[in-house]
Amino acid sequence: KSATAATRDYVLSLDRNGPPLLNVFGGKITTYRRLAESALARLAPFF
C-alpha cells in the first residue's frame, strides 16, 4: 500500500528462453554479497 511497507528483499528472475537472462530486482546494500551468491547459484547450471 505504501512506499514504507514495500519489501526491501531482492528478487532474482531468470529467463531461460535462449541464452540466460538474469534480472535483479530490489535488494539492500547490506545483503549485496548474499545477492551476488544467489545470482551465481541461479546461473550455476549454465557454467
All heavy atoms as atom14 arrays in JSON, in Angstrom:
{
  "sequence": "KSATAATRDYVLSLDRNGPPLLNVFGGKITTYRRLAESALARLAPFF",
  "atom14_mask": [
    [1, 1, 1, 1, 1, 1, 1, 1, 1, 0, 0, 0, 0, 0],
    [1, 1, 1, 1, 1, 1, 0, 0, 0, 0, 0, 0, 0, 0],
    [1, 1, 1, 1, 1, 0, 0, 0, 0, 0, 0, 0, 0, 0],
    [1, 1, 1, 1, 1, 1, 1, 0, 0, 0, 0, 0, 0, 0],
    [1, 1, 1, 1, 1, 0, 0, 0, 0, 0, 0, 0, 0, 0],
    [1, 1, 1, 1, 1, 0, 0, 0, 0, 0, 0, 0, 0, 0],
    [1, 1, 1, 1, 1, 1, 1, 0, 0, 0, 0, 0, 0, 0],
    [1, 1, 1, 1, 1, 1, 1, 1, 1, 1, 1, 0, 0, 0],
    [1, 1, 1, 1, 1, 1, 1, 1, 0, 0, 0, 0, 0, 0],
    [1, 1, 1, 1, 1, 1, 1, 1, 1, 1, 1, 1, 0, 0],
    [1, 1, 1, 1, 1, 1, 1, 0, 0, 0, 0, 0, 0, 0],
    [1, 1, 1, 1, 1, 1, 1, 1, 0, 0, 0, 0, 0, 0],
    [1, 1, 1, 1, 1, 1, 0, 0, 0, 0, 0, 0, 0, 0],
    [1, 1, 1, 1, 1, 1, 1, 1, 0, 0, 0, 0, 0, 0],
    [1, 1, 1, 1, 1, 1, 1, 1, 0, 0, 0, 0, 0, 0],
    [1, 1, 1, 1, 1, 1, 1, 1, 1, 1, 1, 0, 0, 0],
    [1, 1, 1, 1, 1, 1, 1, 1, 0, 0, 0, 0, 0, 0],
    [1, 1, 1, 1, 0, 0, 0, 0, 0, 0, 0, 0, 0, 0],
    [1, 1, 1, 1, 1, 1, 1, 0, 0, 0, 0, 0, 0, 0],
    [1, 1, 1, 1, 1, 1, 1, 0, 0, 0, 0, 0, 0, 0],
    [1, 1, 1, 1, 1, 1, 1, 1, 0, 0, 0, 0, 0, 0],
    [1, 1, 1, 1, 1, 1, 1, 1, 0, 0, 0, 0, 0, 0],
    [1, 1, 1, 1, 1, 1, 1, 1, 0, 0, 0, 0, 0, 0],
    [1, 1, 1, 1, 1, 1, 1, 0, 0, 0, 0, 0, 0, 0],
    [1, 1, 1, 1, 1, 1, 1, 1, 1, 1, 1, 0, 0, 0],
    [1, 1, 1, 1, 0, 0, 0, 0, 0, 0, 0, 0, 0, 0],
    [1, 1, 1, 1, 0, 0, 0, 0, 0, 0, 0, 0, 0, 0],
    [1, 1, 1, 1, 1, 1, 1, 1, 1, 0, 0, 0, 0, 0],
    [1, 1, 1, 1, 1, 1, 1, 1, 0, 0, 0, 0, 0, 0],
    [1, 1, 1, 1, 1, 1, 1, 0, 0, 0, 0, 0, 0, 0],
    [1, 1, 1, 1, 1, 1, 1, 0, 0, 0, 0, 0, 0, 0],
    [1, 1, 1, 1, 1, 1, 1, 1, 1, 1, 1, 1, 0, 0],
    [1, 1, 1, 1, 1, 1, 1, 1, 1, 1, 1, 0, 0, 0],
    [1, 1, 1, 1, 1, 1, 1, 1, 1, 1, 1, 0, 0, 0],
    [1, 1, 1, 1, 1, 1, 1, 1, 0, 0, 0, 0, 0, 0],
    [1, 1, 1, 1, 1, 0, 0, 0, 0, 0, 0, 0, 0, 0],
    [1, 1, 1, 1, 1, 1, 1, 1, 1, 0, 0, 0, 0, 0],
    [1, 1, 1, 1, 1, 1, 0, 0, 0, 0, 0, 0, 0, 0],
    [1, 1, 1, 1, 1, 0, 0, 0, 0, 0, 0, 0, 0, 0],
    [1, 1, 1, 1, 1, 1, 1, 1, 0, 0, 0, 0, 0, 0],
    [1, 1, 1, 1, 1, 0, 0, 0, 0, 0, 0, 0, 0, 0],
    [1, 1, 1, 1, 1, 1, 1, 1, 1, 1, 1, 0, 0, 0],
    [1, 1, 1, 1, 1, 1, 1, 1, 0, 0, 0, 0, 0, 0],
    [1, 1, 1, 1, 1, 0, 0, 0, 0, 0, 0, 0, 0, 0],
    [1, 1, 1, 1, 1, 1, 1, 0, 0, 0, 0, 0, 0, 0],
    [1, 1, 1, 1, 1, 1, 1, 1, 1, 1, 1, 0, 0, 0],
    [1, 1, 1, 1, 1, 1, 1, 1, 1, 1, 1, 0, 0, 0]
  ],
  "atom14_positions": [
    [[0.81, -1.21, 0.0], [0.0, 0.0, 0.0], [0.84, 1.27, 0.0], [0.45, 2.28, -0.55], [-0.94, 0.01, 1.22], [-2.01, -1.06, 1.18], [-2.89, -0.95, 2.43], [-3.97, -2.02, 2.45], [-4.8, -1.94, 3.68], [0.0, 0.0, 0.0], [0.0, 0.0, 0.0], [0.0, 0.0, 0.0], [0.0, 0.0, 0.0], [0.0, 0.0, 0.0]],
    [[1.99, 1.23, 0.66], [2.8, 2.43, 0.81], [4.25, 2.14, 0.49], [4.69, 0.98, 0.49], [2.7, 2.99, 2.23], [3.34, 2.12, 3.15], [0.0, 0.0, 0.0], [0.0, 0.0, 0.0], [0.0, 0.0, 0.0], [0.0, 0.0, 0.0], [0.0, 0.0, 0.0], [0.0, 0.0, 0.0], [0.0, 0.0, 0.0], [0.0, 0.0, 0.0]],
    [[5.01, 3.2, 0.25], [6.44, 3.05, -0.01], [7.14, 2.45, 1.21], [8.06, 1.64, 1.08], [7.04, 4.4, -0.37], [0.0, 0.0, 0.0], [0.0, 0.0, 0.0], [0.0, 0.0, 0.0], [0.0, 0.0, 0.0], [0.0, 0.0, 0.0], [0.0, 0.0, 0.0], [0.0, 0.0, 0.0], [0.0, 0.0, 0.0], [0.0, 0.0, 0.0]],
    [[6.72, 2.85, 2.41], [7.35, 2.35, 3.63], [7.14, 0.85, 3.79], [8.02, 0.13, 4.26], [6.77, 3.08, 4.85], [7.0, 4.48, 4.7], [7.4, 2.59, 6.13], [0.0, 0.0, 0.0], [0.0, 0.0, 0.0], [0.0, 0.0, 0.0], [0.0, 0.0, 0.0], [0.0, 0.0, 0.0], [0.0, 0.0, 0.0], [0.0, 0.0, 0.0]],
    [[5.97, 0.34, 3.36], [5.64, -1.07, 3.54], [6.21, -1.96, 2.45], [6.23, -3.18, 2.61], [4.12, -1.25, 3.6], [0.0, 0.0, 0.0], [0.0, 0.0, 0.0], [0.0, 0.0, 0.0], [0.0, 0.0, 0.0], [0.0, 0.0, 0.0], [0.0, 0.0, 0.0], [0.0, 0.0, 0.0], [0.0, 0.0, 0.0], [0.0, 0.0, 0.0]],
    [[6.69, -1.39, 1.35], [7.21, -2.19, 0.25], [8.42, -2.99, 0.71], [9.26, -2.5, 1.46], [7.59, -1.3, -0.93], [0.0, 0.0, 0.0], [0.0, 0.0, 0.0], [0.0, 0.0, 0.0], [0.0, 0.0, 0.0], [0.0, 0.0, 0.0], [0.0, 0.0, 0.0], [0.0, 0.0, 0.0], [0.0, 0.0, 0.0], [0.0, 0.0, 0.0]],
    [[8.53, -4.23, 0.25], [9.6, -5.1, 0.71], [10.97, -4.57, 0.32], [11.15, -4.0, -0.75], [9.42, -6.53, 0.17], [10.48, -7.35, 0.69], [9.47, -6.56, -1.35], [0.0, 0.0, 0.0], [0.0, 0.0, 0.0], [0.0, 0.0, 0.0], [0.0, 0.0, 0.0], [0.0, 0.0, 0.0], [0.0, 0.0, 0.0], [0.0, 0.0, 0.0]],
    [[11.95, -4.77, 1.21], [13.34, -4.44, 0.9], [14.1, -5.68, 0.46], [15.31, -5.62, 0.22], [14.03, -3.83, 2.13], [13.99, -2.31, 2.21], [12.62, -1.72, 2.18], [12.66, -0.26, 2.31], [11.6, 0.52, 2.18], [10.41, -0.01, 1.89], [11.71, 1.82, 2.31], [0.0, 0.0, 0.0], [0.0, 0.0, 0.0], [0.0, 0.0, 0.0]],
    [[13.43, -6.79, 0.32], [14.07, -8.02, -0.11], [14.35, -7.96, -1.61], [13.76, -7.16, -2.34], [13.19, -9.22, 0.2], [13.98, -10.49, 0.48], [15.18, -10.5, 0.16], [13.41, -11.46, 1.0], [0.0, 0.0, 0.0], [0.0, 0.0, 0.0], [0.0, 0.0, 0.0], [0.0, 0.0, 0.0], [0.0, 0.0, 0.0], [0.0, 0.0, 0.0]],
    [[15.25, -8.82, -2.08], [15.56, -8.84, -3.5], [14.87, -10.01, -4.18], [14.52, -11.02, -3.55], [17.07, -8.89, -3.74], [17.78, -10.05, -3.08], [17.82, -11.32, -3.66], [18.46, -9.88, -1.87], [18.48, -12.37, -3.05], [19.14, -10.92, -1.27], [19.15, -12.17, -1.86], [19.81, -13.21, -1.26], [0.0, 0.0, 0.0], [0.0, 0.0, 0.0]],
    [[14.67, -9.87, -5.48], [14.07, -10.92, -6.29], [14.94, -11.11, -7.52], [15.28, -10.14, -8.21], [12.63, -10.56, -6.72], [12.08, -11.59, -7.7], [11.72, -10.45, -5.49], [0.0, 0.0, 0.0], [0.0, 0.0, 0.0], [0.0, 0.0, 0.0], [0.0, 0.0, 0.0], [0.0, 0.0, 0.0], [0.0, 0.0, 0.0], [0.0, 0.0, 0.0]],
    [[15.33, -12.35, -7.8], [16.13, -12.68, -8.97], [15.24, -13.45, -9.94], [14.72, -14.52, -9.6], [17.34, -13.54, -8.58], [18.28, -12.92, -7.53], [19.37, -13.91, -7.16], [18.88, -11.62, -8.03], [0.0, 0.0, 0.0], [0.0, 0.0, 0.0], [0.0, 0.0, 0.0], [0.0, 0.0, 0.0], [0.0, 0.0, 0.0], [0.0, 0.0, 0.0]],
    [[15.06, -12.9, -11.13], [14.18, -13.5, -12.12], [15.01, -14.03, -13.28], [15.69, -13.25, -13.97], [13.17, -12.46, -12.62], [12.34, -13.01, -13.63], [0.0, 0.0, 0.0], [0.0, 0.0, 0.0], [0.0, 0.0, 0.0], [0.0, 0.0, 0.0], [0.0, 0.0, 0.0], [0.0, 0.0, 0.0], [0.0, 0.0, 0.0], [0.0, 0.0, 0.0]],
    [[14.98, -15.34, -13.51], [15.8, -15.97, -14.54], [14.95, -16.31, -15.76], [13.97, -17.04, -15.66], [16.46, -17.24, -13.99], [17.39, -17.99, -14.94], [18.58, -17.11, -15.33], [17.87, -19.29, -14.29], [0.0, 0.0, 0.0], [0.0, 0.0, 0.0], [0.0, 0.0, 0.0], [0.0, 0.0, 0.0], [0.0, 0.0, 0.0], [0.0, 0.0, 0.0]],
    [[15.31, -15.77, -16.91], [14.65, -16.04, -18.19], [15.52, -17.02, -18.95], [16.64, -16.7, -19.36], [14.49, -14.72, -18.96], [13.83, -14.89, -20.32], [13.67, -16.05, -20.77], [13.5, -13.87, -20.94], [0.0, 0.0, 0.0], [0.0, 0.0, 0.0], [0.0, 0.0, 0.0], [0.0, 0.0, 0.0], [0.0, 0.0, 0.0], [0.0, 0.0, 0.0]],
    [[15.02, -18.24, -19.15], [15.77, -19.3, -19.83], [15.4, -19.45, -21.29], [15.77, -20.43, -21.93], [15.5, -20.64, -19.12], [15.92, -20.69, -17.66], [15.39, -21.95, -17.0], [15.83, -22.1, -15.63], [16.87, -22.86, -15.26], [17.55, -23.53, -16.19], [17.21, -22.96, -14.01], [0.0, 0.0, 0.0], [0.0, 0.0, 0.0], [0.0, 0.0, 0.0]],
    [[14.69, -18.52, -21.85], [14.23, -18.61, -23.23], [15.37, -18.29, -24.19], [15.4, -17.25, -24.85], [13.06, -17.66, -23.46], [12.42, -17.85, -24.82], [12.53, -18.92, -25.42], [11.78, -16.79, -25.32], [0.0, 0.0, 0.0], [0.0, 0.0, 0.0], [0.0, 0.0, 0.0], [0.0, 0.0, 0.0], [0.0, 0.0, 0.0], [0.0, 0.0, 0.0]],
    [[16.33, -19.21, -24.26], [17.55, -18.97, -25.02], [18.7, -18.76, -24.07], [18.66, -19.21, -22.92], [0.0, 0.0, 0.0], [0.0, 0.0, 0.0], [0.0, 0.0, 0.0], [0.0, 0.0, 0.0], [0.0, 0.0, 0.0], [0.0, 0.0, 0.0], [0.0, 0.0, 0.0], [0.0, 0.0, 0.0], [0.0, 0.0, 0.0], [0.0, 0.0, 0.0]],
    [[19.77, -18.07, -24.49], [20.84, -17.75, -23.56], [20.26, -17.06, -22.33], [19.38, -16.2, -22.45], [21.74, -16.8, -24.35], [21.42, -17.07, -25.79], [19.98, -17.48, -25.83], [0.0, 0.0, 0.0], [0.0, 0.0, 0.0], [0.0, 0.0, 0.0], [0.0, 0.0, 0.0], [0.0, 0.0, 0.0], [0.0, 0.0, 0.0], [0.0, 0.0, 0.0]],
    [[20.7, -17.43, -21.14], [20.01, -16.96, -19.93], [20.11, -15.45, -19.72], [21.13, -14.81, -20.04], [20.73, -17.71, -18.81], [22.05, -18.11, -19.38], [21.81, -18.34, -20.83], [0.0, 0.0, 0.0], [0.0, 0.0, 0.0], [0.0, 0.0, 0.0], [0.0, 0.0, 0.0], [0.0, 0.0, 0.0], [0.0, 0.0, 0.0], [0.0, 0.0, 0.0]],
    [[19.02, -14.91, -19.16], [18.95, -13.51, -18.74], [18.53, -13.51, -17.27], [17.48, -14.06, -16.92], [17.92, -12.75, -19.57], [17.46, -11.39, -19.02], [18.6, -10.39, -19.01], [16.27, -10.86, -19.83], [0.0, 0.0, 0.0], [0.0, 0.0, 0.0], [0.0, 0.0, 0.0], [0.0, 0.0, 0.0], [0.0, 0.0, 0.0], [0.0, 0.0, 0.0]],
    [[19.34, -12.9, -16.42], [19.01, -12.78, -15.02], [18.72, -11.32, -14.71], [19.59, -10.46, -14.85], [20.17, -13.28, -14.13], [19.88, -13.29, -12.63], [18.87, -14.38, -12.29], [21.18, -13.51, -11.84], [0.0, 0.0, 0.0], [0.0, 0.0, 0.0], [0.0, 0.0, 0.0], [0.0, 0.0, 0.0], [0.0, 0.0, 0.0], [0.0, 0.0, 0.0]],
    [[17.48, -11.04, -14.3], [17.09, -9.69, -13.9], [17.11, -9.58, -12.38], [16.58, -10.43, -11.68], [15.68, -9.37, -14.42], [15.63, -9.31, -15.94], [16.41, -8.6, -16.57], [14.71, -10.07, -16.53], [0.0, 0.0, 0.0], [0.0, 0.0, 0.0], [0.0, 0.0, 0.0], [0.0, 0.0, 0.0], [0.0, 0.0, 0.0], [0.0, 0.0, 0.0]],
    [[17.73, -8.52, -11.88], [17.89, -8.3, -10.45], [16.96, -7.18, -10.01], [17.12, -6.04, -10.45], [19.34, -7.94, -10.1], [19.5, -7.73, -8.59], [20.3, -9.03, -10.59], [0.0, 0.0, 0.0], [0.0, 0.0, 0.0], [0.0, 0.0, 0.0], [0.0, 0.0, 0.0], [0.0, 0.0, 0.0], [0.0, 0.0, 0.0], [0.0, 0.0, 0.0]],
    [[16.0, -7.51, -9.16], [15.04, -6.53, -8.65], [15.28, -6.31, -7.16], [15.38, -7.26, -6.39], [13.61, -7.03, -8.85], [13.2, -7.19, -10.29], [13.36, -8.42, -10.93], [12.66, -6.14, -11.0], [12.98, -8.59, -12.24], [12.27, -6.3, -12.31], [12.43, -7.52, -12.95], [0.0, 0.0, 0.0], [0.0, 0.0, 0.0], [0.0, 0.0, 0.0]],
    [[15.35, -5.04, -6.77], [15.4, -4.71, -5.35], [16.74, -5.01, -4.72], [17.79, -5.09, -5.38], [0.0, 0.0, 0.0], [0.0, 0.0, 0.0], [0.0, 0.0, 0.0], [0.0, 0.0, 0.0], [0.0, 0.0, 0.0], [0.0, 0.0, 0.0], [0.0, 0.0, 0.0], [0.0, 0.0, 0.0], [0.0, 0.0, 0.0], [0.0, 0.0, 0.0]],
    [[16.69, -5.19, -3.4], [17.9, -5.5, -2.65], [18.31, -4.39, -1.7], [17.9, -3.24, -1.85], [0.0, 0.0, 0.0], [0.0, 0.0, 0.0], [0.0, 0.0, 0.0], [0.0, 0.0, 0.0], [0.0, 0.0, 0.0], [0.0, 0.0, 0.0], [0.0, 0.0, 0.0], [0.0, 0.0, 0.0], [0.0, 0.0, 0.0], [0.0, 0.0, 0.0]],
    [[19.13, -4.75, -0.71], [19.68, -3.82, 0.28], [21.2, -3.86, 0.17], [21.78, -4.88, -0.13], [19.3, -4.25, 1.71], [17.89, -3.94, 2.13], [17.51, -4.71, 3.4], [18.54, -4.67, 4.51], [18.67, -3.36, 5.16], [0.0, 0.0, 0.0], [0.0, 0.0, 0.0], [0.0, 0.0, 0.0], [0.0, 0.0, 0.0], [0.0, 0.0, 0.0]],
    [[21.82, -2.73, 0.46], [23.29, -2.7, 0.37], [23.92, -3.7, 1.33], [24.95, -4.3, 1.03], [23.8, -1.26, 0.62], [25.25, -1.13, 0.15], [23.64, -0.85, 2.09], [25.72, 0.29, 0.06], [0.0, 0.0, 0.0], [0.0, 0.0, 0.0], [0.0, 0.0, 0.0], [0.0, 0.0, 0.0], [0.0, 0.0, 0.0], [0.0, 0.0, 0.0]],
    [[23.26, -3.97, 2.47], [23.81, -4.9, 3.45], [23.88, -6.32, 2.91], [24.78, -7.09, 3.29], [22.95, -4.9, 4.74], [22.74, -3.55, 5.15], [23.62, -5.66, 5.85], [0.0, 0.0, 0.0], [0.0, 0.0, 0.0], [0.0, 0.0, 0.0], [0.0, 0.0, 0.0], [0.0, 0.0, 0.0], [0.0, 0.0, 0.0], [0.0, 0.0, 0.0]],
    [[22.96, -6.68, 2.06], [22.9, -8.07, 1.58], [23.43, -8.22, 0.16], [23.16, -9.23, -0.49], [21.45, -8.59, 1.65], [20.58, -7.69, 0.97], [20.99, -8.73, 3.09], [0.0, 0.0, 0.0], [0.0, 0.0, 0.0], [0.0, 0.0, 0.0], [0.0, 0.0, 0.0], [0.0, 0.0, 0.0], [0.0, 0.0, 0.0], [0.0, 0.0, 0.0]],
    [[24.22, -7.25, -0.31], [24.69, -7.31, -1.7], [25.52, -8.57, -1.96], [25.44, -9.17, -3.03], [25.5, -6.06, -2.04], [26.97, -6.18, -1.71], [27.89, -6.66, -2.66], [27.45, -5.86, -0.44], [29.23, -6.8, -2.34], [28.79, -6.01, -0.13], [29.67, -6.47, -1.08], [31.0, -6.63, -0.77], [0.0, 0.0, 0.0], [0.0, 0.0, 0.0]],
    [[26.34, -8.99, -0.98], [27.2, -10.15, -1.19], [26.38, -11.42, -1.28], [26.64, -12.3, -2.11], [28.23, -10.25, -0.05], [29.37, -11.24, -0.33], [30.16, -11.54, 0.94], [29.33, -12.22, 1.93], [29.1, -13.53, 1.93], [29.63, -14.3, 0.99], [28.34, -14.07, 2.87], [0.0, 0.0, 0.0], [0.0, 0.0, 0.0], [0.0, 0.0, 0.0]],
    [[25.35, -11.52, -0.42], [24.44, -12.68, -0.47], [23.67, -12.68, -1.79], [23.44, -13.74, -2.37], [23.48, -12.63, 0.71], [24.1, -12.91, 2.07], [24.44, -14.39, 2.24], [24.78, -14.7, 3.61], [23.93, -15.15, 4.52], [22.66, -15.35, 4.2], [24.33, -15.41, 5.74], [0.0, 0.0, 0.0], [0.0, 0.0, 0.0], [0.0, 0.0, 0.0]],
    [[23.25, -11.49, -2.22], [22.55, -11.4, -3.5], [23.44, -11.92, -4.62], [22.99, -12.67, -5.5], [22.13, -9.95, -3.77], [21.32, -9.64, -5.02], [20.43, -8.42, -4.81], [22.2, -9.41, -6.26], [0.0, 0.0, 0.0], [0.0, 0.0, 0.0], [0.0, 0.0, 0.0], [0.0, 0.0, 0.0], [0.0, 0.0, 0.0], [0.0, 0.0, 0.0]],
    [[24.71, -11.53, -4.61], [25.64, -11.99, -5.64], [25.78, -13.51, -5.61], [25.78, -14.17, -6.66], [27.0, -11.31, -5.47], [0.0, 0.0, 0.0], [0.0, 0.0, 0.0], [0.0, 0.0, 0.0], [0.0, 0.0, 0.0], [0.0, 0.0, 0.0], [0.0, 0.0, 0.0], [0.0, 0.0, 0.0], [0.0, 0.0, 0.0], [0.0, 0.0, 0.0]],
    [[25.9, -14.08, -4.41], [25.98, -15.54, -4.3], [24.72, -16.2, -4.85], [24.79, -17.22, -5.54], [26.19, -15.94, -2.84], [27.59, -15.73, -2.32], [27.82, -16.33, -0.95], [26.82, -16.59, -0.24], [28.99, -16.54, -0.58], [0.0, 0.0, 0.0], [0.0, 0.0, 0.0], [0.0, 0.0, 0.0], [0.0, 0.0, 0.0], [0.0, 0.0, 0.0]],
    [[23.57, -15.61, -4.53], [22.31, -16.18, -5.03], [22.23, -16.07, -6.55], [21.73, -16.99, -7.22], [21.12, -15.44, -4.39], [21.09, -15.63, -2.99], [0.0, 0.0, 0.0], [0.0, 0.0, 0.0], [0.0, 0.0, 0.0], [0.0, 0.0, 0.0], [0.0, 0.0, 0.0], [0.0, 0.0, 0.0], [0.0, 0.0, 0.0], [0.0, 0.0, 0.0]],
    [[22.72, -14.95, -7.09], [22.71, -14.79, -8.54], [23.58, -15.86, -9.21], [23.18, -16.47, -10.21], [23.21, -13.39, -8.9], [0.0, 0.0, 0.0], [0.0, 0.0, 0.0], [0.0, 0.0, 0.0], [0.0, 0.0, 0.0], [0.0, 0.0, 0.0], [0.0, 0.0, 0.0], [0.0, 0.0, 0.0], [0.0, 0.0, 0.0], [0.0, 0.0, 0.0]],
    [[24.75, -16.11, -8.66], [25.63, -17.13, -9.24], [25.06, -18.52, -9.06], [25.26, -19.41, -9.91], [27.02, -17.03, -8.62], [28.03, -16.12, -9.34], [28.33, -16.63, -10.75], [27.53, -14.69, -9.44], [0.0, 0.0, 0.0], [0.0, 0.0, 0.0], [0.0, 0.0, 0.0], [0.0, 0.0, 0.0], [0.0, 0.0, 0.0], [0.0, 0.0, 0.0]],
    [[24.31, -18.74, -7.98], [23.66, -20.04, -7.79], [22.6, -20.26, -8.87], [22.43, -21.38, -9.37], [23.03, -20.12, -6.4], [0.0, 0.0, 0.0], [0.0, 0.0, 0.0], [0.0, 0.0, 0.0], [0.0, 0.0, 0.0], [0.0, 0.0, 0.0], [0.0, 0.0, 0.0], [0.0, 0.0, 0.0], [0.0, 0.0, 0.0], [0.0, 0.0, 0.0]],
    [[21.87, -19.19, -9.22], [20.86, -19.33, -10.28], [21.51, -19.6, -11.64], [20.94, -20.29, -12.48], [20.01, -18.06, -10.37], [19.21, -17.72, -9.11], [18.14, -18.77, -8.82], [17.2, -18.94, -9.9], [16.11, -18.19, -10.1], [15.86, -17.19, -9.27], [15.28, -18.43, -11.09], [0.0, 0.0, 0.0], [0.0, 0.0, 0.0], [0.0, 0.0, 0.0]],
    [[22.69, -19.05, -11.85], [23.37, -19.22, -13.14], [24.26, -20.46, -13.18], [24.75, -20.82, -14.26], [24.22, -17.98, -13.43], [23.44, -16.69, -13.69], [24.39, -15.49, -13.69], [22.68, -16.76, -15.01], [0.0, 0.0, 0.0], [0.0, 0.0, 0.0], [0.0, 0.0, 0.0], [0.0, 0.0, 0.0], [0.0, 0.0, 0.0], [0.0, 0.0, 0.0]],
    [[24.48, -21.11, -12.05], [25.4, -22.24, -11.96], [25.13, -23.35, -12.98], [26.09, -23.92, -13.54], [25.4, -22.8, -10.54], [0.0, 0.0, 0.0], [0.0, 0.0, 0.0], [0.0, 0.0, 0.0], [0.0, 0.0, 0.0], [0.0, 0.0, 0.0], [0.0, 0.0, 0.0], [0.0, 0.0, 0.0], [0.0, 0.0, 0.0], [0.0, 0.0, 0.0]],
    [[23.86, -23.72, -13.26], [23.64, -24.8, -14.23], [24.2, -24.5, -15.62], [24.49, -25.45, -16.37], [22.11, -24.91, -14.26], [21.66, -24.38, -12.95], [22.61, -23.28, -12.63], [0.0, 0.0, 0.0], [0.0, 0.0, 0.0], [0.0, 0.0, 0.0], [0.0, 0.0, 0.0], [0.0, 0.0, 0.0], [0.0, 0.0, 0.0], [0.0, 0.0, 0.0]],
    [[24.37, -23.24, -15.95], [24.88, -22.88, -17.27], [26.41, -22.85, -17.31], [27.01, -22.78, -18.38], [24.33, -21.51, -17.69], [22.83, -21.44, -17.68], [22.15, -20.93, -16.57], [22.1, -21.9, -18.76], [20.77, -20.87, -16.55], [20.71, -21.85, -18.74], [20.04, -21.34, -17.64], [0.0, 0.0, 0.0], [0.0, 0.0, 0.0], [0.0, 0.0, 0.0]],
    [[27.04, -22.88, -16.13], [28.5, -22.8, -16.04], [29.0, -23.86, -15.05], [29.46, -23.54, -13.94], [28.94, -21.4, -15.59], [28.46, -20.3, -16.5], [27.37, -19.51, -16.13], [29.07, -20.09, -17.72], [26.91, -18.51, -16.97], [28.61, -19.08, -18.58], [27.53, -18.29, -18.2], [0.0, 0.0, 0.0], [0.0, 0.0, 0.0], [0.0, 0.0, 0.0]]
  ]
}
